[in-house]
């Protein structure tokens, strides 16, 4: 019984260590995704075409919500 518990705890420990090693990669990927989407938004909003203000306000709202969700995800990955 003691060997079983030791093996189980060892397996859980190894799994936790593997997950902890993956978190920085996931966090960096999330930051990269946000920066790419933000750069596309800046490029779209500063293009030479004239877009309606309602469209730009809507996109700004979507970007704000997306940024807030990314921030929460990154904070979750850090803890």
N, C-alpha and C. Protein backbone atom coordinates (compact mmCIF):
# COMPACT_ATOMS: atom_id res chain seq x y z
N UNK A 1 0.83 -1.19 0.00
CA UNK A 1 0.00 0.00 0.00
C UNK A 1 0.87 1.25 0.00
N UNK A 2 1.94 1.20 0.75
CA UNK A 2 2.82 2.37 0.83
C UNK A 2 3.50 2.64 -0.50
N UNK A 3 3.90 1.58 -1.21
CA UNK A 3 4.51 1.76 -2.53
C UNK A 3 3.53 2.39 -3.50
N UNK A 4 2.27 1.98 -3.44
CA UNK A 4 1.25 2.53 -4.31
C UNK A 4 1.08 4.03 -4.06
N UNK A 5 1.04 4.42 -2.80
CA UNK A 5 0.91 5.83 -2.46
C UNK A 5 2.12 6.62 -2.93
N UNK A 6 3.29 6.08 -2.75
CA UNK A 6 4.52 6.75 -3.16
C UNK A 6 4.54 6.92 -4.68
N UNK A 7 4.15 5.87 -5.41
CA UNK A 7 4.11 5.96 -6.88
C UNK A 7 3.07 6.96 -7.34
N UNK A 8 1.92 6.96 -6.69
CA UNK A 8 0.86 7.91 -7.05
C UNK A 8 1.32 9.35 -6.82
N UNK A 9 1.90 9.61 -5.66
CA UNK A 9 2.38 10.95 -5.36
C UNK A 9 3.51 11.37 -6.29
N UNK A 10 4.35 10.43 -6.66
CA UNK A 10 5.43 10.72 -7.61
C UNK A 10 4.86 11.09 -8.98
N UNK A 11 3.84 10.39 -9.41
CA UNK A 11 3.19 10.69 -10.68
C UNK A 11 2.54 12.06 -10.65
N UNK A 12 1.85 12.37 -9.56
CA UNK A 12 1.21 13.68 -9.43
C UNK A 12 2.26 14.78 -9.42
N UNK A 13 3.35 14.56 -8.73
CA UNK A 13 4.43 15.55 -8.67
C UNK A 13 5.01 15.80 -10.06
N UNK A 14 5.27 14.73 -10.82
CA UNK A 14 5.83 14.88 -12.16
C UNK A 14 4.86 15.63 -13.08
N UNK A 15 3.58 15.34 -12.96
CA UNK A 15 2.58 16.02 -13.77
C UNK A 15 2.53 17.50 -13.44
N UNK A 16 2.59 17.83 -12.17
CA UNK A 16 2.58 19.24 -11.76
C UNK A 16 3.81 19.97 -12.29
N UNK A 17 4.96 19.36 -12.22
CA UNK A 17 6.19 19.97 -12.72
C UNK A 17 6.10 20.20 -14.23
N UNK A 18 5.56 19.23 -14.96
CA UNK A 18 5.41 19.40 -16.41
C UNK A 18 4.47 20.55 -16.73
N UNK A 19 3.36 20.66 -16.00
CA UNK A 19 2.43 21.76 -16.22
C UNK A 19 3.04 23.10 -15.88
N UNK A 20 3.83 23.15 -14.83
CA UNK A 20 4.49 24.40 -14.45
C UNK A 20 5.50 24.82 -15.51
N UNK A 21 6.15 23.88 -16.15
CA UNK A 21 7.12 24.20 -17.20
C UNK A 21 6.43 24.69 -18.47
N UNK A 22 5.19 24.28 -18.70
CA UNK A 22 4.44 24.69 -19.89
C UNK A 22 3.81 26.07 -19.75
N UNK A 23 3.55 26.52 -18.53
CA UNK A 23 2.84 27.78 -18.33
C UNK A 23 3.54 29.00 -18.92
N UNK A 24 4.85 29.15 -18.78
CA UNK A 24 5.49 30.32 -19.42
C UNK A 24 5.34 30.33 -20.94
N UNK A 25 5.36 29.16 -21.56
CA UNK A 25 5.18 29.09 -23.01
C UNK A 25 3.77 29.54 -23.39
N UNK A 26 2.78 29.09 -22.63
CA UNK A 26 1.40 29.47 -22.91
C UNK A 26 1.21 30.97 -22.69
N UNK A 27 1.81 31.49 -21.62
CA UNK A 27 1.70 32.93 -21.33
C UNK A 27 2.32 33.74 -22.45
N UNK A 28 3.48 33.35 -22.90
CA UNK A 28 4.14 34.06 -23.99
C UNK A 28 3.34 33.98 -25.29
N UNK A 29 2.71 32.84 -25.53
CA UNK A 29 1.87 32.70 -26.72
C UNK A 29 0.67 33.63 -26.64
N UNK A 30 0.08 33.76 -25.47
CA UNK A 30 -1.08 34.64 -25.30
C UNK A 30 -0.67 36.09 -25.53
N UNK A 31 0.48 36.48 -25.03
CA UNK A 31 0.97 37.85 -25.23
C UNK A 31 1.22 38.11 -26.71
N UNK A 32 1.81 37.12 -27.39
CA UNK A 32 2.08 37.26 -28.82
C UNK A 32 0.78 37.40 -29.62
N UNK A 33 -0.21 36.59 -29.29
CA UNK A 33 -1.50 36.67 -29.99
C UNK A 33 -2.11 38.05 -29.79
N UNK A 34 -2.07 38.55 -28.56
CA UNK A 34 -2.67 39.86 -28.30
C UNK A 34 -1.94 40.96 -29.07
N UNK A 35 -0.62 40.90 -29.08
CA UNK A 35 0.15 41.93 -29.80
C UNK A 35 -0.12 41.90 -31.30
N UNK A 36 -0.28 40.72 -31.87
CA UNK A 36 -0.58 40.62 -33.30
C UNK A 36 -1.96 41.19 -33.60
N UNK A 37 -2.95 40.85 -32.78
CA UNK A 37 -4.29 41.38 -32.99
C UNK A 37 -4.31 42.89 -32.79
N UNK A 38 -3.57 43.38 -31.80
CA UNK A 38 -3.51 44.82 -31.54
C UNK A 38 -2.84 45.55 -32.70
N UNK A 39 -1.78 44.97 -33.25
CA UNK A 39 -1.11 45.59 -34.39
C UNK A 39 -2.04 45.63 -35.61
N UNK A 40 -2.82 44.58 -35.80
CA UNK A 40 -3.78 44.58 -36.90
C UNK A 40 -4.85 45.64 -36.68
N UNK A 41 -5.28 45.82 -35.45
CA UNK A 41 -6.27 46.84 -35.14
C UNK A 41 -5.72 48.24 -35.40
N UNK A 42 -4.49 48.49 -34.99
CA UNK A 42 -3.87 49.79 -35.23
C UNK A 42 -3.72 50.03 -36.73
N UNK A 43 -3.30 49.02 -37.46
CA UNK A 43 -3.19 49.16 -38.91
C UNK A 43 -4.52 49.43 -39.56
N UNK A 44 -5.57 48.78 -39.08
CA UNK A 44 -6.90 48.99 -39.64
C UNK A 44 -7.42 50.39 -39.32
N UNK A 45 -7.21 50.83 -38.08
CA UNK A 45 -7.77 52.13 -37.69
C UNK A 45 -7.01 53.31 -38.29
N UNK A 46 -5.76 53.12 -38.68
CA UNK A 46 -4.99 54.23 -39.25
C UNK A 46 -4.85 54.12 -40.77
N UNK A 47 -5.63 53.23 -41.38
CA UNK A 47 -5.54 53.08 -42.83
C UNK A 47 -6.11 54.32 -43.51
N UNK A 48 -5.86 54.42 -44.80
CA UNK A 48 -6.26 55.62 -45.54
C UNK A 48 -7.75 55.63 -45.85
N UNK A 49 -8.41 54.50 -45.76
CA UNK A 49 -9.85 54.47 -46.02
C UNK A 49 -10.59 55.14 -44.88
N UNK A 50 -11.71 55.71 -45.21
CA UNK A 50 -12.57 56.33 -44.21
C UNK A 50 -13.61 55.32 -43.76
N UNK A 51 -13.57 54.99 -42.47
CA UNK A 51 -14.55 54.08 -41.90
C UNK A 51 -15.47 54.87 -40.99
N UNK A 52 -16.66 54.34 -40.77
CA UNK A 52 -17.59 55.05 -39.90
C UNK A 52 -17.09 55.01 -38.46
N UNK A 53 -17.45 56.03 -37.72
CA UNK A 53 -17.03 56.10 -36.32
C UNK A 53 -17.64 54.97 -35.51
N UNK A 54 -18.84 54.56 -35.88
CA UNK A 54 -19.49 53.47 -35.16
C UNK A 54 -18.70 52.17 -35.29
N UNK A 55 -18.17 51.90 -36.48
CA UNK A 55 -17.35 50.70 -36.69
C UNK A 55 -16.08 50.76 -35.85
N UNK A 56 -15.42 51.91 -35.83
CA UNK A 56 -14.18 52.03 -35.05
C UNK A 56 -14.45 51.93 -33.55
N UNK A 57 -15.56 52.51 -33.10
CA UNK A 57 -15.92 52.41 -31.68
C UNK A 57 -16.24 50.96 -31.32
N UNK A 58 -16.93 50.26 -32.20
CA UNK A 58 -17.22 48.85 -31.97
C UNK A 58 -15.96 48.01 -31.90
N UNK A 59 -15.03 48.26 -32.82
CA UNK A 59 -13.76 47.52 -32.80
C UNK A 59 -12.94 47.85 -31.56
N UNK A 60 -12.98 49.11 -31.15
CA UNK A 60 -12.27 49.48 -29.93
C UNK A 60 -12.87 48.78 -28.72
N UNK A 61 -14.18 48.65 -28.69
CA UNK A 61 -14.83 47.93 -27.59
C UNK A 61 -14.43 46.45 -27.58
N UNK A 62 -14.42 45.85 -28.77
CA UNK A 62 -14.03 44.44 -28.87
C UNK A 62 -12.58 44.27 -28.44
N UNK A 63 -11.70 45.18 -28.86
CA UNK A 63 -10.30 45.09 -28.47
C UNK A 63 -10.12 45.27 -26.96
N UNK A 64 -10.91 46.13 -26.36
CA UNK A 64 -10.83 46.32 -24.92
C UNK A 64 -11.25 45.06 -24.17
N UNK A 65 -12.32 44.45 -24.62
CA UNK A 65 -12.78 43.21 -23.97
C UNK A 65 -11.76 42.10 -24.19
N UNK A 66 -11.23 42.00 -25.40
CA UNK A 66 -10.22 40.99 -25.69
C UNK A 66 -8.96 41.21 -24.84
N UNK A 67 -8.55 42.46 -24.69
CA UNK A 67 -7.39 42.77 -23.86
C UNK A 67 -7.63 42.42 -22.40
N UNK A 68 -8.84 42.69 -21.92
CA UNK A 68 -9.17 42.35 -20.53
C UNK A 68 -9.14 40.84 -20.33
N UNK A 69 -9.68 40.09 -21.30
CA UNK A 69 -9.67 38.63 -21.18
C UNK A 69 -8.25 38.08 -21.25
N UNK A 70 -7.43 38.65 -22.11
CA UNK A 70 -6.03 38.23 -22.19
C UNK A 70 -5.29 38.53 -20.89
N UNK A 71 -5.57 39.68 -20.30
CA UNK A 71 -4.93 40.03 -19.03
C UNK A 71 -5.30 39.05 -17.94
N UNK A 72 -6.57 38.69 -17.86
CA UNK A 72 -6.99 37.72 -16.86
C UNK A 72 -6.34 36.35 -17.08
N UNK A 73 -6.22 35.96 -18.35
CA UNK A 73 -5.59 34.69 -18.65
C UNK A 73 -4.10 34.70 -18.28
N UNK A 74 -3.42 35.79 -18.58
CA UNK A 74 -2.00 35.89 -18.25
C UNK A 74 -1.80 35.89 -16.73
N UNK A 75 -2.66 36.58 -16.02
CA UNK A 75 -2.57 36.57 -14.56
C UNK A 75 -2.80 35.17 -14.02
N UNK A 76 -3.75 34.44 -14.63
CA UNK A 76 -4.02 33.07 -14.20
C UNK A 76 -2.81 32.18 -14.47
N UNK A 77 -2.12 32.37 -15.59
CA UNK A 77 -0.94 31.58 -15.89
C UNK A 77 0.21 31.89 -14.93
N UNK A 78 0.29 33.11 -14.43
CA UNK A 78 1.38 33.47 -13.52
C UNK A 78 1.19 32.89 -12.13
N UNK A 79 -0.08 32.71 -11.73
CA UNK A 79 -0.31 32.21 -10.36
C UNK A 79 -0.38 30.71 -10.29
